[in-house]
Amino acid sequence: MKSIIGAILFLFTSLGHAQSDGVVHIWPTIPFIRGADLCAYQQAYSQTRSEYMREMSGLAQDLMQSGAYGSEALDLLITFDALYAKNVALATRYQYLDVTLENTLKGYVDQYYRDLNPRTKKMTFSHINRIQDIVAAARNGQRIGHLPENTFEYLDFVAYGSYAFAPDCKGNIQVTVTLVGRRGETETFLGTGKPSVVMSQIASKMFERFQRTRFPTTLRLGQRQLTLIGGLNGSVDTVQSLEMARMACESQDARLPTPTELDLISAYGDWNGGVGVGHSVWVVEPVRGGSLKVFHPDLRNPSPVREQWEVNDRTFYYYCVK
């Protein structure tokens, strides 16, 4: 009996850990709402009736110049229009498009994680139903899972989406994915493209939203820990004056990083709690005091640490640490 109670307590502890492990858990079943056909709307309202009549008259004239009689030209136009409408109707049945969008989104997210391989995965799609129910639903061609009343004890977000044919009428669709948090707050991501690849745009935005370093964050540098708290905007900020960067950090009871710290933090990368320096010019605190310096990652010979007058940039990046 004690072993059964212990197993139950372990199960609930593991599930409750979803919100305390630093990972964002999202329900993997994403229902999609069919939106308006913006292509049909664009075609209907992009021309006035007189413009449309002139276009059709021009097509009929071209057919008659090619040897068709008036009635034949009219029949051809009607046939072409009917064939186009038939193809559009076949393409816009929307059968199983929601399943494709949901699974390609999850596939692209996983592909980003495999390609970039961050040390810690900060976003994941998590089932909260029994494995047997998940397999049974997939076998029967049904949407997987249902949401219990206590969903947000296990998940951080549930999602829903919408899709519509794009107004360019070239086979593209506009897709939105909205995340709903436990307090009802929402965040929406938008993409436009072919159905087979459009979700890569949304996956990229979601990956960056949750995986990129957010302040404050703490890193271990050697035997000590350093907390990155960002600039006055709560993230990486810019200034035109080096002294303004120092004042911004002092106002937060913090300081600018030294050149060595900046380089080590950059080595962690943007997906692992660090901040990549890229090709930007950064404000740094000199190790032995004195006037502020700039760190130019593209001028490493003899040293990336330079005086302000040695670089051409007039906008400098910074963040604060303590």
C-alpha atoms as a PDB file:
ATOM      1  CA  MET A   1       0.000   0.000   0.000  1.00  0.00           C
ATOM      2  CA  LYS A   2       2.830   2.382   0.908  1.00  0.00           C
ATOM      3  CA  SER A   3       4.521   1.693  -2.431  1.00  0.00           C
ATOM      4  CA  ILE A   4       1.314   2.550  -4.322  1.00  0.00           C
ATOM      5  CA  ILE A   5       0.891   5.824  -2.423  1.00  0.00           C
ATOM      6  CA  GLY A   6       4.536   6.629  -3.040  1.00  0.00           C
ATOM      7  CA  ALA A   7       4.152   6.003  -6.774  1.00  0.00           C
ATOM      8  CA  ILE A   8       1.108   8.276  -6.925  1.00  0.00           C
ATOM      9  CA  LEU A   9       2.929  11.044  -5.055  1.00  0.00           C
ATOM     10  CA  PHE A  10       5.906  10.684  -7.395  1.00  0.00           C
ATOM     11  CA  LEU A  11       3.626  10.968 -10.450  1.00  0.00           C
ATOM     12  CA  PHE A  12       1.984  14.159  -9.228  1.00  0.00           C
ATOM     13  CA  THR A  13       5.331  15.631  -8.200  1.00  0.00           C
ATOM     14  CA  SER A  14       6.736  14.953 -11.668  1.00  0.00           C
ATOM     15  CA  LEU A  15       3.730  16.498 -13.405  1.00  0.00           C
ATOM     16  CA  GLY A  16       3.672  19.502 -11.104  1.00  0.00           C
ATOM     17  CA  HIS A  17       7.326  20.069 -11.967  1.00  0.00           C
ATOM     18  CA  ALA A  18       6.229  21.328 -15.418  1.00  0.00           C
ATOM     19  CA  GLN A  19       6.129  24.917 -14.200  1.00  0.00           C
ATOM     20  CA  SER A  20       9.219  24.802 -11.963  1.00  0.00           C
ATOM     21  CA  ASP A  21      11.813  23.237 -14.268  1.00  0.00           C
ATOM     22  CA  GLY A  22      12.385  26.351 -16.365  1.00  0.00           C
ATOM     23  CA  VAL A  23      10.871  24.689 -19.451  1.00  0.00           C
ATOM     24  CA  VAL A  24       7.753  26.000 -21.215  1.00  0.00           C
ATOM     25  CA  HIS A  25       5.300  23.137 -21.736  1.00  0.00           C
ATOM     26  CA  ILE A  26       2.752  23.507 -24.569  1.00  0.00           C
ATOM     27  CA  TRP A  27      -0.153  21.191 -25.331  1.00  0.00           C
ATOM     28  CA  PRO A  28       0.718  19.429 -28.636  1.00  0.00           C
ATOM     29  CA  THR A  29      -2.844  19.343 -30.028  1.00  0.00           C
ATOM     30  CA  ILE A  30      -3.485  22.619 -31.867  1.00  0.00           C
ATOM     31  CA  PRO A  31      -7.007  23.112 -33.306  1.00  0.00           C
ATOM     32  CA  PHE A  32      -7.136  25.422 -36.330  1.00  0.00           C
ATOM     33  CA  ILE A  33     -10.005  27.702 -37.359  1.00  0.00           C
ATOM     34  CA  ARG A  34     -10.662  28.223 -41.051  1.00  0.00           C
ATOM     35  CA  GLY A  35     -10.557  31.929 -41.881  1.00  0.00           C
ATOM     36  CA  ALA A  36     -11.774  33.954 -44.833  1.00  0.00           C
ATOM     37  CA  ASP A  37     -10.600  33.188 -48.369  1.00  0.00           C
ATOM     38  CA  LEU A  38      -8.578  36.364 -48.874  1.00  0.00           C
ATOM     39  CA  CYS A  39      -7.689  35.288 -52.408  1.00  0.00           C
ATOM     40  CA  ALA A  40     -11.359  35.213 -53.441  1.00  0.00           C
ATOM     41  CA  TYR A  41     -11.897  38.503 -51.621  1.00  0.00           C
ATOM     42  CA  GLN A  42      -8.970  40.076 -53.463  1.00  0.00           C
ATOM     43  CA  GLN A  43     -10.219  38.810 -56.818  1.00  0.00           C
ATOM     44  CA  ALA A  44     -13.742  40.044 -56.147  1.00  0.00           C
ATOM     45  CA  TYR A  45     -12.771  43.552 -55.037  1.00  0.00           C
ATOM     46  CA  SER A  46      -9.448  44.229 -56.778  1.00  0.00           C
ATOM     47  CA  GLN A  47     -11.314  45.342 -59.921  1.00  0.00           C
ATOM     48  CA  THR A  48     -14.415  47.427 -60.521  1.00  0.00           C
ATOM     49  CA  ARG A  49     -17.163  45.887 -62.623  1.00  0.00           C
ATOM     50  CA  SER A  50     -16.184  48.053 -65.611  1.00  0.00           C
ATOM     51  CA  GLU A  51     -12.525  46.979 -65.299  1.00  0.00           C
ATOM     52  CA  TYR A  52     -13.591  43.341 -65.177  1.00  0.00           C
ATOM     53  CA  MET A  53     -15.804  43.752 -68.244  1.00  0.00           C
ATOM     54  CA  ARG A  54     -12.978  45.429 -70.167  1.00  0.00           C
ATOM     55  CA  GLU A  55     -10.641  42.558 -69.298  1.00  0.00           C
ATOM     56  CA  MET A  56     -13.159  39.916 -70.409  1.00  0.00           C
ATOM     57  CA  SER A  57     -13.903  41.839 -73.598  1.00  0.00           C
ATOM     58  CA  GLY A  58     -10.192  41.983 -74.346  1.00  0.00           C
ATOM     59  CA  LEU A  59      -9.858  38.216 -73.884  1.00  0.00           C
ATOM     60  CA  ALA A  60     -12.840  37.605 -76.174  1.00  0.00           C
ATOM     61  CA  GLN A  61     -11.343  39.928 -78.810  1.00  0.00           C
ATOM     62  CA  ASP A  62      -8.018  38.039 -78.655  1.00  0.00           C
ATOM     63  CA  LEU A  63      -9.837  34.724 -79.185  1.00  0.00           C
ATOM     64  CA  MET A  64     -11.776  36.070 -82.181  1.00  0.00           C
ATOM     65  CA  GLN A  65      -8.596  37.448 -83.720  1.00  0.00           C
ATOM     66  CA  SER A  66      -7.214  33.910 -83.439  1.00  0.00           C
ATOM     67  CA  GLY A  67     -10.123  32.617 -85.550  1.00  0.00           C
ATOM     68  CA  ALA A  68     -12.892  31.910 -83.057  1.00  0.00           C
ATOM     69  CA  TYR A  69     -16.456  33.070 -83.702  1.00  0.00           C
ATOM     70  CA  GLY A  70     -18.211  35.249 -81.156  1.00  0.00           C
ATOM     71  CA  SER A  71     -20.244  32.384 -79.659  1.00  0.00           C
ATOM     72  CA  GLU A  72     -17.179  30.129 -79.593  1.00  0.00           C
ATOM     73  CA  ALA A  73     -15.158  32.795 -77.809  1.00  0.00           C
ATOM     74  CA  LEU A  74     -17.900  33.136 -75.202  1.00  0.00           C
ATOM     75  CA  ASP A  75     -18.088  29.351 -74.716  1.00  0.00           C
ATOM     76  CA  LEU A  76     -14.300  29.153 -74.300  1.00  0.00           C
ATOM     77  CA  LEU A  77     -14.287  31.913 -71.683  1.00  0.00           C
ATOM     78  CA  ILE A  78     -17.085  30.206 -69.770  1.00  0.00           C
ATOM     79  CA  THR A  79     -15.231  26.860 -69.937  1.00  0.00           C
ATOM     80  CA  PHE A  80     -11.938  28.355 -68.770  1.00  0.00           C
ATOM     81  CA  ASP A  81     -13.678  30.143 -65.908  1.00  0.00           C
ATOM     82  CA  ALA A  82     -15.480  26.944 -64.864  1.00  0.00           C
ATOM     83  CA  LEU A  83     -12.233  24.938 -64.914  1.00  0.00           C
ATOM     84  CA  TYR A  84     -10.501  27.568 -62.777  1.00  0.00           C
ATOM     85  CA  ALA A  85     -13.404  27.614 -60.302  1.00  0.00           C
ATOM     86  CA  LYS A  86     -13.353  23.785 -60.148  1.00  0.00           C
ATOM     87  CA  ASN A  87      -9.618  23.690 -59.376  1.00  0.00           C
ATOM     88  CA  VAL A  88     -10.023  26.348 -56.708  1.00  0.00           C
ATOM     89  CA  ALA A  89     -12.900  24.395 -55.135  1.00  0.00           C
ATOM     90  CA  LEU A  90     -10.785  21.234 -55.042  1.00  0.00           C
ATOM     91  CA  ALA A  91      -7.858  23.076 -53.473  1.00  0.00           C
ATOM     92  CA  THR A  92      -9.954  24.882 -50.898  1.00  0.00           C
ATOM     93  CA  ARG A  93     -11.729  21.921 -49.363  1.00  0.00           C
ATOM     94  CA  TYR A  94      -9.276  22.345 -46.475  1.00  0.00           C
ATOM     95  CA  GLN A  95      -9.330  18.601 -45.749  1.00  0.00           C
ATOM     96  CA  TYR A  96      -6.672  17.687 -43.178  1.00  0.00           C
ATOM     97  CA  LEU A  97      -4.828  20.981 -43.636  1.00  0.00           C
ATOM     98  CA  ASP A  98      -5.089  21.585 -39.885  1.00  0.00           C
ATOM     99  CA  VAL A  99      -3.315  18.290 -39.185  1.00  0.00           C
ATOM    100  CA  THR A 100      -0.538  19.208 -41.604  1.00  0.00           C
ATOM    101  CA  LEU A 101      -0.053  22.638 -40.034  1.00  0.00           C
ATOM    102  CA  GLU A 102       0.034  21.260 -36.491  1.00  0.00           C
ATOM    103  CA  ASN A 103       2.543  18.520 -37.220  1.00  0.00           C
ATOM    104  CA  THR A 104       4.835  20.551 -39.456  1.00  0.00           C
ATOM    105  CA  LEU A 105       5.005  23.205 -36.716  1.00  0.00           C
ATOM    106  CA  LYS A 106       6.164  20.629 -34.164  1.00  0.00           C
ATOM    107  CA  GLY A 107       8.501  19.086 -36.716  1.00  0.00           C
ATOM    108  CA  TYR A 108      10.186  22.416 -37.508  1.00  0.00           C
ATOM    109  CA  VAL A 109      10.557  23.265 -33.798  1.00  0.00           C
ATOM    110  CA  ASP A 110      12.245  19.925 -33.157  1.00  0.00           C
ATOM    111  CA  GLN A 111      14.454  20.446 -36.204  1.00  0.00           C
ATOM    112  CA  TYR A 112      15.655  23.792 -34.818  1.00  0.00           C
ATOM    113  CA  TYR A 113      16.566  22.087 -31.562  1.00  0.00           C
ATOM    114  CA  ARG A 114      18.456  19.331 -33.383  1.00  0.00           C
ATOM    115  CA  ASP A 115      20.328  21.767 -35.625  1.00  0.00           C
ATOM    116  CA  LEU A 116      21.226  24.369 -32.974  1.00  0.00           C
ATOM    117  CA  ASN A 117      21.533  21.842 -30.140  1.00  0.00           C
ATOM    118  CA  PRO A 118      21.268  24.141 -27.100  1.00  0.00           C
ATOM    119  CA  ARG A 119      22.419  22.769 -23.753  1.00  0.00           C
ATOM    120  CA  THR A 120      18.956  23.220 -22.229  1.00  0.00           C
ATOM    121  CA  LYS A 121      15.674  22.851 -24.080  1.00  0.00           C
ATOM    122  CA  LYS A 122      13.387  25.656 -22.889  1.00  0.00           C
ATOM    123  CA  MET A 123      10.257  24.825 -24.913  1.00  0.00           C
ATOM    124  CA  THR A 124       8.561  21.506 -25.502  1.00  0.00           C
ATOM    125  CA  PHE A 125       5.214  20.079 -26.590  1.00  0.00           C
ATOM    126  CA  SER A 126       3.936  17.854 -23.769  1.00  0.00           C
ATOM    127  CA  HIS A 127       1.112  15.329 -23.700  1.00  0.00           C
ATOM    128  CA  ILE A 128      -0.839  15.103 -20.450  1.00  0.00           C
ATOM    129  CA  ASN A 129      -3.109  12.196 -21.429  1.00  0.00           C
ATOM    130  CA  ARG A 130      -2.492   8.478 -21.026  1.00  0.00           C
ATOM    131  CA  ILE A 131      -0.178   6.971 -23.643  1.00  0.00           C
ATOM    132  CA  GLN A 132      -2.850   4.365 -24.466  1.00  0.00           C
ATOM    133  CA  ASP A 133      -5.385   7.115 -25.249  1.00  0.00           C
ATOM    134  CA  ILE A 134      -2.874   8.954 -27.440  1.00  0.00           C
ATOM    135  CA  VAL A 135      -2.092   5.850 -29.484  1.00  0.00           C
ATOM    136  CA  ALA A 136      -5.775   4.894 -29.775  1.00  0.00           C
ATOM    137  CA  ALA A 137      -6.709   8.364 -31.059  1.00  0.00           C
ATOM    138  CA  ALA A 138      -3.934   8.307 -33.653  1.00  0.00           C
ATOM    139  CA  ARG A 139      -4.951   4.825 -34.787  1.00  0.00           C
ATOM    140  CA  ASN A 140      -8.559   5.966 -35.251  1.00  0.00           C
ATOM    141  CA  GLY A 141      -7.607   9.118 -37.142  1.00  0.00           C
ATOM    142  CA  GLN A 142      -8.764  11.395 -34.328  1.00  0.00           C
ATOM    143  CA  ARG A 143      -7.227  14.477 -32.752  1.00  0.00           C
ATOM    144  CA  ILE A 144      -5.023  13.432 -29.882  1.00  0.00           C
ATOM    145  CA  GLY A 145      -6.005  14.053 -26.278  1.00  0.00           C
ATOM    146  CA  HIS A 146      -8.436  16.156 -24.300  1.00  0.00           C
ATOM    147  CA  LEU A 147      -7.967  18.939 -21.762  1.00  0.00           C
ATOM    148  CA  PRO A 148      -8.844  18.133 -18.150  1.00  0.00           C
ATOM    149  CA  GLU A 149     -10.038  20.800 -15.738  1.00  0.00           C
ATOM    150  CA  ASN A 150      -6.611  21.071 -14.117  1.00  0.00           C
ATOM    151  CA  THR A 151      -4.745  21.455 -17.426  1.00  0.00           C
ATOM    152  CA  PHE A 152      -2.590  24.352 -16.240  1.00  0.00           C
ATOM    153  CA  GLU A 153      -1.210  22.304 -13.375  1.00  0.00           C
ATOM    154  CA  TYR A 154       0.766  20.474 -16.042  1.00  0.00           C
ATOM    155  CA  LEU A 155       1.044  22.952 -18.931  1.00  0.00           C
ATOM    156  CA  ASP A 156       2.116  26.563 -19.367  1.00  0.00           C
ATOM    157  CA  PHE A 157       0.237  27.162 -22.630  1.00  0.00           C
ATOM    158  CA  VAL A 158      -2.450  25.686 -24.833  1.00  0.00           C
ATOM    159  CA  ALA A 159      -2.589  26.793 -28.450  1.00  0.00           C
ATOM    160  CA  TYR A 160      -5.047  27.315 -31.263  1.00  0.00           C
ATOM    161  CA  GLY A 161      -4.559  28.641 -34.782  1.00  0.00           C
ATOM    162  CA  SER A 162      -6.223  30.002 -37.886  1.00  0.00           C
ATOM    163  CA  TYR A 163      -5.481  29.743 -41.582  1.00  0.00           C
ATOM    164  CA  ALA A 164      -6.712  31.499 -44.714  1.00  0.00           C
ATOM    165  CA  PHE A 165      -5.714  31.660 -48.355  1.00  0.00           C
ATOM    166  CA  ALA A 166      -3.414  34.639 -48.852  1.00  0.00           C
ATOM    167  CA  PRO A 167      -4.527  37.550 -51.036  1.00  0.00           C
ATOM    168  CA  ASP A 168      -1.668  37.016 -53.522  1.00  0.00           C
ATOM    169  CA  CYS A 169      -3.633  34.050 -54.998  1.00  0.00           C
ATOM    170  CA  LYS A 170      -0.411  32.074 -55.595  1.00  0.00           C
ATOM    171  CA  GLY A 171      -1.106  29.115 -53.355  1.00  0.00           C
ATOM    172  CA  ASN A 172       0.134  30.761 -50.175  1.00  0.00           C
ATOM    173  CA  ILE A 173      -1.745  30.695 -46.900  1.00  0.00           C
ATOM    174  CA  GLN A 174      -1.699  33.012 -43.906  1.00  0.00           C
ATOM    175  CA  VAL A 175      -1.419  31.168 -40.598  1.00  0.00           C
ATOM    176  CA  THR A 176      -1.604  32.362 -37.006  1.00  0.00           C
ATOM    177  CA  VAL A 177      -0.820  30.379 -33.871  1.00  0.00           C
ATOM    178  CA  THR A 178      -2.022  31.821 -30.559  1.00  0.00           C
ATOM    179  CA  LEU A 179      -0.674  30.642 -27.201  1.00  0.00           C
ATOM    180  CA  VAL A 180      -3.015  31.015 -24.217  1.00  0.00           C
ATOM    181  CA  GLY A 181      -1.413  31.082 -20.763  1.00  0.00           C
ATOM    182  CA  ARG A 182      -2.804  30.020 -17.419  1.00  0.00           C
ATOM    183  CA  ARG A 183      -4.052  33.561 -16.638  1.00  0.00           C
ATOM    184  CA  GLY A 184      -5.696  33.916 -20.036  1.00  0.00           C
ATOM    185  CA  GLU A 185      -2.886  35.993 -21.544  1.00  0.00           C
ATOM    186  CA  THR A 186      -2.222  35.412 -25.240  1.00  0.00           C
ATOM    187  CA  GLU A 187       0.701  35.673 -27.634  1.00  0.00           C
ATOM    188  CA  THR A 188       0.185  35.249 -31.378  1.00  0.00           C
ATOM    189  CA  PHE A 189       2.683  34.297 -34.093  1.00  0.00           C
ATOM    190  CA  LEU A 190       2.049  34.949 -37.805  1.00  0.00           C
ATOM    191  CA  GLY A 191       3.428  33.381 -40.992  1.00  0.00           C
ATOM    192  CA  THR A 192       2.658  33.464 -44.732  1.00  0.00           C
ATOM    193  CA  GLY A 193       3.844  30.921 -47.298  1.00  0.00           C
ATOM    194  CA  LYS A 194       3.203  27.590 -48.975  1.00  0.00           C
ATOM    195  CA  PRO A 195       1.323  25.090 -46.762  1.00  0.00           C
ATOM    196  CA  SER A 196       4.319  22.742 -46.659  1.00  0.00           C
ATOM    197  CA  VAL A 197       6.777  25.324 -45.282  1.00  0.00           C
ATOM    198  CA  VAL A 198       4.777  28.181 -43.738  1.00  0.00           C
ATOM    199  CA  MET A 199       5.035  26.723 -40.249  1.00  0.00           C
ATOM    200  CA  SER A 200       8.825  27.046 -40.356  1.00  0.00           C
ATOM    201  CA  GLN A 201       8.348  30.812 -39.950  1.00  0.00           C
ATOM    202  CA  ILE A 202       6.185  30.391 -36.861  1.00  0.00           C
ATOM    203  CA  ALA A 203       8.466  27.687 -35.447  1.00  0.00           C
ATOM    204  CA  SER A 204      11.439  30.046 -35.826  1.00  0.00           C
ATOM    205  CA  LYS A 205       9.634  32.835 -33.990  1.00  0.00           C
ATOM    206  CA  MET A 206       8.514  30.521 -31.190  1.00  0.00           C
ATOM    207  CA  PHE A 207      12.013  29.080 -30.829  1.00  0.00           C
ATOM    208  CA  GLU A 208      13.524  32.543 -30.583  1.00  0.00           C
ATOM    209  CA  ARG A 209      10.826  33.742 -28.190  1.00  0.00           C
ATOM    210  CA  PHE A 210      11.401  30.993 -25.636  1.00  0.00           C
ATOM    211  CA  GLN A 211      14.983  29.834 -26.240  1.00  0.00           C
ATOM    212  CA  ARG A 212      16.819  33.152 -26.593  1.00  0.00           C
ATOM    213  CA  THR A 213      18.433  34.507 -23.429  1.00  0.00           C
ATOM    214  CA  ARG A 214      16.059  36.596 -21.340  1.00  0.00           C
ATOM    215  CA  PHE A 215      17.175  38.860 -18.532  1.00  0.00           C
ATOM    216  CA  PRO A 216      17.882  38.435 -15.699  1.00  0.00           C
ATOM    217  CA  THR A 217      19.828  35.222 -16.087  1.00  0.00           C
ATOM    218  CA  THR A 218      22.758  33.731 -14.183  1.00  0.00           C
ATOM    219  CA  LEU A 219      25.852  32.120 -15.671  1.00  0.00           C
ATOM    220  CA  ARG A 220      28.811  30.373 -14.086  1.00  0.00           C
ATOM    221  CA  LEU A 221      32.166  31.832 -15.128  1.00  0.00           C
ATOM    222  CA  GLY A 222      34.894  29.736 -13.598  1.00  0.00           C
ATOM    223  CA  GLN A 223      34.385  29.540  -9.823  1.00  0.00           C
ATOM    224  CA  ARG A 224      31.872  32.374  -9.594  1.00  0.00           C
ATOM    225  CA  GLN A 225      28.420  33.233 -10.829  1.00  0.00           C
ATOM    226  CA  LEU A 226      27.508  36.342 -12.789  1.00  0.00           C
ATOM    227  CA  THR A 227      23.977  37.671 -13.190  1.00  0.00           C
ATOM    228  CA  LEU A 228      23.103  39.376 -16.470  1.00  0.00           C
ATOM    229  CA  ILE A 229      20.393  41.980 -15.907  1.00  0.00           C
ATOM    230  CA  GLY A 230      20.385  43.808 -19.248  1.00  0.00           C
ATOM    231  CA  GLY A 231      20.204  47.524 -19.904  1.00  0.00           C
ATOM    232  CA  LEU A 232      17.557  50.028 -18.891  1.00  0.00           C
ATOM    233  CA  ASN A 233      15.195  48.408 -21.402  1.00  0.00           C
ATOM    234  CA  GLY A 234      15.522  45.030 -19.680  1.00  0.00           C
ATOM    235  CA  SER A 235      17.497  43.550 -22.578  1.00  0.00           C
ATOM    236  CA  VAL A 236      20.517  44.405 -24.714  1.00  0.00           C
ATOM    237  CA  ASP A 237      20.403  48.175 -25.148  1.00  0.00           C
ATOM    238  CA  THR A 238      22.236  50.796 -27.199  1.00  0.00           C
ATOM    239  CA  VAL A 239      23.794  54.165 -26.388  1.00  0.00           C
ATOM    240  CA  GLN A 240      25.627  56.885 -28.270  1.00  0.00           C
ATOM    241  CA  SER A 241      27.770  57.793 -25.262  1.00  0.00           C
ATOM    242  CA  LEU A 242      29.920  55.264 -23.381  1.00  0.00           C
ATOM    243  CA  GLU A 243      29.359  57.083 -20.110  1.00  0.00           C
ATOM    244  CA  MET A 244      25.584  56.686 -20.540  1.00  0.00           C
ATOM    245  CA  ALA A 245      26.056  52.907 -20.488  1.00  0.00           C
ATOM    246  CA  ARG A 246      27.992  53.119 -17.223  1.00  0.00           C
ATOM    247  CA  MET A 247      25.338  55.382 -15.668  1.00  0.00           C
ATOM    248  CA  ALA A 248      22.575  52.993 -16.814  1.00  0.00           C
ATOM    249  CA  CYS A 249      24.277  50.094 -15.036  1.00  0.00           C
ATOM    250  CA  GLU A 250      25.017  52.079 -11.869  1.00  0.00           C
ATOM    251  CA  SER A 251      21.342  53.065 -11.678  1.00  0.00           C
ATOM    252  CA  GLN A 252      20.574  49.332 -11.411  1.00  0.00           C
ATOM    253  CA  ASP A 253      23.301  48.691  -8.818  1.00  0.00           C
ATOM    254  CA  ALA A 254      25.255  46.850 -11.497  1.00  0.00           C
ATOM    255  CA  ARG A 255      28.249  47.397 -13.758  1.00  0.00           C
ATOM    256  CA  LEU A 256      29.411  46.813 -17.310  1.00  0.00           C
ATOM    257  CA  PRO A 257      31.142  43.499 -18.083  1.00  0.00           C
ATOM    258  CA  THR A 258      34.902  43.381 -18.495  1.00  0.00           C
ATOM    259  CA  PRO A 259      36.297  42.346 -21.917  1.00  0.00           C
ATOM    260  CA  THR A 260      37.015  38.818 -20.661  1.00  0.00           C
ATOM    261  CA  GLU A 261      33.523  38.468 -19.208  1.00  0.00           C
ATOM    262  CA  LEU A 262      31.954  39.742 -22.414  1.00  0.00           C
ATOM    263  CA  ASP A 263      33.912  37.185 -24.454  1.00  0.00           C
ATOM    264  CA  LEU A 264      33.049  34.290 -22.121  1.00  0.00           C
ATOM    265  CA  ILE A 265      29.363  35.226 -22.021  1.00  0.00           C
ATOM    266  CA  SER A 266      29.371  35.374 -25.818  1.00  0.00           C
ATOM    267  CA  ALA A 267      30.825  31.867 -25.926  1.00  0.00           C
ATOM    268  CA  TYR A 268      27.678  30.560 -24.224  1.00  0.00           C
ATOM    269  CA  GLY A 269      25.648  31.837 -27.177  1.00  0.00           C
ATOM    270  CA  ASP A 270      22.182  33.348 -27.415  1.00  0.00           C
ATOM    271  CA  TRP A 271      20.456  29.953 -26.985  1.00  0.00           C
ATOM    272  CA  ASN A 272      22.310  28.896 -23.817  1.00  0.00           C
ATOM    273  CA  GLY A 273      21.861  31.854 -21.473  1.00  0.00           C
ATOM    274  CA  GLY A 274      24.614  33.997 -22.961  1.00  0.00           C
ATOM    275  CA  VAL A 275      24.690  36.979 -25.312  1.00  0.00           C
ATOM    276  CA  GLY A 276      26.559  36.637 -28.590  1.00  0.00           C
ATOM    277  CA  VAL A 277      28.601  39.710 -29.515  1.00  0.00           C
ATOM    278  CA  GLY A 278      28.126  39.169 -33.261  1.00  0.00           C
ATOM    279  CA  HIS A 279      29.674  42.012 -35.247  1.00  0.00           C
ATOM    280  CA  SER A 280      28.442  44.795 -32.968  1.00  0.00           C
ATOM    281  CA  VAL A 281      30.627  47.141 -30.919  1.00  0.00           C
ATOM    282  CA  TRP A 282      30.156  46.844 -27.138  1.00  0.00           C
ATOM    283  CA  VAL A 283      30.892  49.033 -24.144  1.00  0.00           C
ATOM    284  CA  VAL A 284      33.140  47.324 -21.578  1.00  0.00           C
ATOM    285  CA  GLU A 285      34.532  48.154 -18.167  1.00  0.00           C
ATOM    286  CA  PRO A 286      38.347  48.226 -18.124  1.00  0.00           C
ATOM    287  CA  VAL A 287      39.876  45.680 -15.746  1.00  0.00           C
ATOM    288  CA  ARG A 288      42.122  48.175 -13.951  1.00  0.00           C
ATOM    289  CA  GLY A 289      39.708  51.093 -13.881  1.00  0.00           C
ATOM    290  CA  GLY A 290      39.981  54.286 -15.875  1.00  0.00           C
ATOM    291  CA  SER A 291      38.049  55.409 -18.912  1.00  0.00           C
ATOM    292  CA  LEU A 292      35.576  53.084 -20.582  1.00  0.00           C
ATOM    293  CA  LYS A 293      36.621  51.080 -23.622  1.00  0.00           C
ATOM    294  CA  VAL A 294      34.824  49.494 -26.561  1.00  0.00           C
ATOM    295  CA  PHE A 295      35.007  45.862 -27.604  1.00  0.00           C
ATOM    296  CA  HIS A 296      35.102  45.349 -31.396  1.00  0.00           C
ATOM    297  CA  PRO A 297      34.897  41.605 -32.207  1.00  0.00           C
ATOM    298  CA  ASP A 298      36.118  42.144 -35.786  1.00  0.00           C
ATOM    299  CA  LEU A 299      39.313  43.964 -34.714  1.00  0.00           C
ATOM    300  CA  ARG A 300      41.095  41.291 -32.671  1.00  0.00           C
ATOM    301  CA  ASN A 301      44.611  42.117 -33.838  1.00  0.00           C
ATOM    302  CA  PRO A 302      46.278  43.015 -31.573  1.00  0.00           C
ATOM    303  CA  SER A 303      43.218  43.286 -29.264  1.00  0.00           C
ATOM    304  CA  PRO A 304      39.452  43.784 -29.654  1.00  0.00           C
ATOM    305  CA  VAL A 305      39.545  46.274 -26.748  1.00  0.00           C
ATOM    306  CA  ARG A 306      39.862  49.757 -28.250  1.00  0.00           C
ATOM    307  CA  GLU A 307      39.437  53.401 -27.502  1.00  0.00           C
ATOM    308  CA  GLN A 308      36.205  54.910 -28.790  1.00  0.00           C
ATOM    309  CA  TRP A 309      38.028  57.051 -31.339  1.00  0.00           C
ATOM    310  CA  GLU A 310      39.565  53.931 -32.929  1.00  0.00           C
ATOM    311  CA  VAL A 311      36.247  52.683 -34.315  1.00  0.00           C
ATOM    312  CA  ASN A 312      33.871  54.295 -36.772  1.00  0.00           C
ATOM    313  CA  ASP A 313      30.660  53.245 -35.007  1.00  0.00           C
ATOM    314  CA  ARG A 314      28.535  55.803 -33.212  1.00  0.00           C
ATOM    315  CA  THR A 315      26.037  53.351 -31.728  1.00  0.00           C
ATOM    316  CA  PHE A 316      27.305  51.038 -29.000  1.00  0.00           C
ATOM    317  CA  TYR A 317      25.676  47.986 -27.425  1.00  0.00           C
ATOM    318  CA  TYR A 318      25.723  47.149 -23.741  1.00  0.00           C
ATOM    319  CA  TYR A 319      24.151  45.145 -20.958  1.00  0.00           C
ATOM    320  CA  CYS A 320      24.780  45.179 -17.229  1.00  0.00           C
ATOM    321  CA  VAL A 321      26.018  42.486 -14.868  1.00  0.00           C
ATOM    322  CA  LYS A 322      26.442  42.009 -11.144  1.00  0.00           C
END
